[in-house]
Protein backbone atom coordinates (compact mmCIF):
# COMPACT_ATOMS: atom_id res chain seq x y z
CA MET A 1 34.26 -1.76 6.11
CA THR A 2 36.28 1.31 5.13
CA ARG A 3 36.70 4.42 7.28
CA VAL A 4 34.33 6.30 4.94
CA GLN A 5 31.69 3.57 5.30
CA VAL A 6 32.08 3.56 9.08
CA THR A 7 31.74 7.34 9.17
CA ARG A 8 28.67 7.24 6.95
CA ALA A 9 27.07 4.48 9.00
CA ALA A 10 27.70 6.46 12.18
CA ALA A 11 26.19 9.54 10.57
CA LEU A 12 23.10 7.60 9.54
CA VAL A 13 22.61 6.24 13.04
CA ALA A 14 23.06 9.75 14.45
CA LEU A 15 20.55 11.04 11.90
CA ALA A 16 18.05 8.41 12.99
CA ALA A 17 18.62 9.25 16.65
CA GLY A 18 18.22 12.95 15.95
CA ALA A 19 15.02 12.36 14.05
CA LEU A 20 13.73 10.30 16.95
CA ALA A 21 14.43 13.15 19.35
CA ALA A 22 12.84 15.70 17.04
CA GLY A 23 9.74 13.68 16.12
CA THR A 24 6.54 15.67 15.94
CA SER A 25 4.62 12.98 17.84
CA SER A 26 5.36 9.92 19.94
CA ALA A 27 3.96 7.73 17.16
CA GLN A 28 6.36 9.25 14.63
CA ALA A 29 9.25 9.03 17.07
CA GLN A 30 8.77 5.28 17.36
CA ALA A 31 8.66 4.76 13.57
CA LEU A 32 12.08 3.18 13.13
CA ASP A 33 12.77 1.02 10.08
CA VAL A 34 15.90 -1.06 9.50
CA ILE A 35 17.13 -1.46 5.93
CA ARG A 36 19.78 -4.00 4.96
CA TRP A 37 21.93 -2.84 2.06
CA PRO A 38 23.81 -5.19 -0.31
CA THR A 39 27.45 -6.04 0.30
CA SER A 40 27.77 -7.62 -3.15
CA ALA A 41 26.51 -6.49 -6.56
CA SER A 42 27.21 -6.82 -10.26
CA VAL A 43 28.43 -3.20 -10.26
CA VAL A 44 30.01 -1.19 -7.45
CA GLU A 45 27.34 1.52 -7.74
CA LEU A 46 24.75 -0.78 -6.16
CA ILE A 47 26.82 -1.83 -3.14
CA GLY A 48 25.90 -0.29 0.19
CA PRO A 49 23.45 2.44 1.25
CA PRO A 50 22.50 5.48 -0.83
CA ASP A 51 25.66 7.34 -1.91
CA ASP A 52 24.64 9.21 -5.08
CA ARG A 53 26.17 6.63 -7.41
CA ALA A 54 23.69 5.31 -9.98
CA VAL A 55 23.97 2.87 -12.87
CA GLY A 56 21.86 2.77 -16.01
CA VAL A 57 19.86 -0.28 -17.03
CA ASN A 58 17.59 -0.92 -19.99
CA PRO A 59 15.60 -3.84 -21.46
CA TYR A 60 18.89 -5.34 -22.65
CA ARG A 61 21.06 -4.58 -19.64
CA GLU A 62 20.48 -5.92 -16.15
CA GLU A 63 22.25 -5.46 -12.81
CA SER A 64 21.93 -7.31 -9.53
CA ALA A 65 22.47 -6.91 -5.79
CA ALA A 66 22.97 -9.60 -3.15
CA LYS A 67 24.23 -10.49 0.34
CA PHE A 68 21.99 -8.09 2.22
CA ARG A 69 23.41 -8.06 5.75
CA CYS A 70 22.35 -6.36 9.00
CA GLY A 71 21.44 -2.82 8.21
CA VAL A 72 20.88 0.70 9.34
CA PRO A 73 17.93 2.16 11.32
CA TYR A 74 16.02 5.05 9.78
CA ALA A 75 13.56 7.22 11.65
CA ASN A 76 10.38 8.61 10.11
CA LEU A 77 11.02 7.00 6.72
CA ALA A 78 7.30 6.90 5.92
CA ALA A 79 7.04 10.65 6.47
CA PHE A 80 10.08 11.24 4.28
CA LEU A 81 8.60 9.16 1.44
CA ARG A 82 5.11 10.52 2.11
CA VAL A 83 3.55 7.06 2.30
CA PRO A 84 1.33 5.62 5.06
CA VAL A 85 3.16 3.91 7.91
CA SER A 86 0.96 0.87 7.29
CA THR A 87 2.19 0.68 3.69
CA LEU A 88 5.82 0.85 4.70
CA ALA A 89 5.23 -1.86 7.31
CA ARG A 90 4.18 -4.24 4.52
CA ALA A 91 7.18 -3.51 2.29
CA ASP A 92 9.97 -6.08 1.88
CA VAL A 93 12.18 -4.28 -0.64
CA ILE A 94 12.83 -0.61 -1.40
CA ALA A 95 14.80 0.76 -4.34
CA PHE A 96 15.79 4.26 -5.39
CA GLU A 97 16.61 5.57 -8.86
CA PHE A 98 17.89 8.85 -10.21
CA ASN A 99 15.33 10.47 -12.49
CA GLY A 100 16.97 13.73 -13.57
CA GLY A 101 14.49 16.55 -13.87
CA HIS A 102 11.24 14.56 -13.83
CA PRO A 103 9.90 11.23 -12.56
CA GLY A 104 8.64 8.33 -14.64
CA GLU A 105 5.20 8.31 -16.19
CA SER A 106 3.42 7.35 -12.96
CA GLY A 107 5.29 9.80 -10.77
CA GLY A 108 8.10 7.51 -9.66
CA TRP A 109 10.23 4.73 -11.13
CA GLU A 110 10.47 4.25 -14.86
CA SER A 111 9.24 0.92 -16.24
CA SER A 112 11.39 -1.95 -15.03
CA LYS A 113 11.55 -5.74 -14.74
CA TRP A 114 12.67 -7.40 -11.51
CA LEU A 115 13.70 -10.88 -10.42
CA PHE A 116 13.65 -11.70 -6.72
CA SER A 117 15.16 -15.02 -5.64
CA ASP A 118 16.27 -16.70 -2.42
CA GLY A 119 18.10 -19.69 -3.86
CA THR A 120 15.00 -21.88 -3.69
CA GLY A 121 12.16 -19.85 -5.12
CA ALA A 122 11.95 -16.86 -7.46
CA LEU A 123 9.46 -14.23 -8.57
CA THR A 124 9.53 -12.02 -11.66
CA VAL A 125 7.79 -8.66 -11.34
CA VAL A 126 7.16 -6.08 -14.05
CA TRP A 127 6.55 -2.47 -13.11
CA ASP A 128 4.79 -0.71 -15.99
CA ALA A 129 5.11 3.01 -15.32
CA VAL A 130 2.75 3.92 -18.17
CA ALA A 131 -0.03 1.72 -16.79
CA GLY A 132 0.92 2.56 -13.20
CA ALA A 133 0.64 -1.09 -12.20
CA SER A 134 2.71 -4.16 -11.47
CA MET A 135 2.45 -7.63 -12.90
CA PRO A 136 1.58 -9.64 -10.83
CA ALA A 137 -0.85 -7.11 -9.43
CA GLY A 138 -0.36 -5.81 -5.90
CA ILE A 139 3.37 -6.49 -5.60
CA VAL A 140 4.33 -2.82 -6.01
CA ILE A 141 2.67 -1.07 -3.07
CA GLY A 142 4.44 2.29 -3.24
CA ASN A 143 5.92 4.39 -6.03
CA GLY A 144 6.83 8.05 -5.90
CA SER A 145 9.56 10.67 -5.86
CA VAL A 146 11.40 13.01 -3.51
CA ALA A 147 13.59 16.03 -4.11
CA GLY A 148 17.26 15.19 -4.60
CA ALA A 149 18.36 17.67 -1.94
CA ASP A 150 15.99 16.09 0.58
CA TYR A 151 17.31 12.64 -0.37
CA ASP A 152 20.90 13.68 0.30
CA ARG A 153 19.90 15.30 3.58
CA TYR A 154 17.90 12.33 4.83
CA PHE A 155 20.59 9.77 4.05
CA GLY A 156 23.42 11.94 5.32
CA ILE A 157 25.24 12.27 2.00
CA ALA A 158 27.47 15.21 2.83
CA ALA A 159 28.78 16.00 -0.66
CA GLY A 160 25.34 15.56 -2.17
CA SER A 161 25.10 15.33 -5.94
CA ALA A 162 21.66 13.80 -6.44
CA PRO A 163 19.61 15.08 -9.39
CA PRO A 164 16.47 17.17 -8.76
CA VAL A 165 14.27 14.06 -8.72
CA VAL A 166 14.98 10.75 -6.96
CA SER A 167 12.28 8.09 -7.22
CA PHE A 168 11.47 5.15 -4.98
CA ILE A 169 9.55 1.90 -5.34
CA LEU A 170 8.26 -0.46 -2.62
CA PHE A 171 7.63 -4.18 -3.07
CA ASP A 172 5.47 -6.47 -0.95
CA LEU A 173 6.79 -9.94 -1.80
CA PRO A 174 5.02 -13.23 -1.02
CA PRO A 175 6.01 -14.87 2.28
CA THR A 176 7.32 -17.88 0.38
CA LEU A 177 10.38 -15.80 -0.55
CA ALA A 178 12.94 -15.69 2.27
CA THR A 179 14.01 -12.06 2.10
CA GLY A 180 15.98 -12.51 5.34
CA SER A 181 18.20 -15.18 3.82
CA LEU A 182 21.79 -14.37 2.90
CA GLY A 183 20.97 -16.06 -0.40
CA PHE A 184 18.34 -13.46 -1.28
CA GLN A 185 19.13 -11.58 -4.52
CA VAL A 186 17.52 -8.81 -6.54
CA LEU A 187 17.98 -8.33 -10.29
CA VAL A 188 16.67 -5.29 -12.17
CA LYS A 189 16.55 -4.29 -15.83
CA GLY A 190 14.55 -1.89 -17.97
CA TYR A 191 11.15 -2.69 -19.45
CA PRO A 192 9.90 -1.47 -22.86
CA SER A 193 7.00 0.73 -21.79
CA GLY A 194 7.45 4.48 -21.85
CA GLU A 195 11.00 5.49 -21.00
CA GLY A 196 11.96 2.10 -19.60
CA ASP A 197 15.63 2.76 -18.87
CA PRO A 198 15.90 3.55 -15.14
CA ASP A 199 19.08 4.46 -13.24
CA PRO A 200 19.08 2.44 -9.98
CA GLU A 201 20.98 4.11 -7.12
CA ALA A 202 20.31 1.81 -4.16
CA ILE A 203 18.40 -1.38 -3.38
CA GLY A 204 17.57 -2.36 0.19
CA VAL A 205 15.72 -5.10 2.04
CA PHE A 206 13.68 -4.31 5.14
CA ALA A 207 14.72 -6.21 8.25
CA ARG A 208 12.19 -7.01 10.92
CA GLY A 209 14.51 -7.57 13.88
CA CYS A 210 17.49 -7.86 11.54
CA GLY A 211 17.38 -11.64 11.65
CA LEU A 212 19.31 -13.49 8.98
CA SER A 213 19.16 -17.13 7.99
CA GLU A 214 21.71 -19.01 5.91
């Protein structure tokens, strides 16, 4: 880990601690989520936590992220994303994309196609932003956008350069997929519905106790 990464990680932990101290209620103050960020990816832009580096994909170009190791605690993430705490508690994977001046057709991510695999099993998921639904149904449980300035502030990106709109997507994967395995991988590409050429910025896996299995 480089000095910059160490500094950023320390800043994120401090941010989480500060948010805990400043929580508006005891319930909010206890809402701490741990996200494991990839240490390996097909492109450097997808390695690590949010850092305002995005990469473009389309129906003919795909990128991947892997080796999600022990991660970083975030306080009041549900409030930041404006989703119910119960929804966030069900999520296995979160991903952010840069959306310039406006979100995708359904208010968040542009249409995209995903492959989740753990070395044994795999699942392909299509997010159709025009229809506002995933195939299979019910896998995407959250989709929306936040202001770029708020995104930089929340993730402690000091020299923030996020666009006005940053979108997020939440996946609830079947329990047969071992998201805690070091062999877990995520692949994303565009999907030909509406705009269909998203710009992924970060992909993370939620850790429940930060337990990893080989």
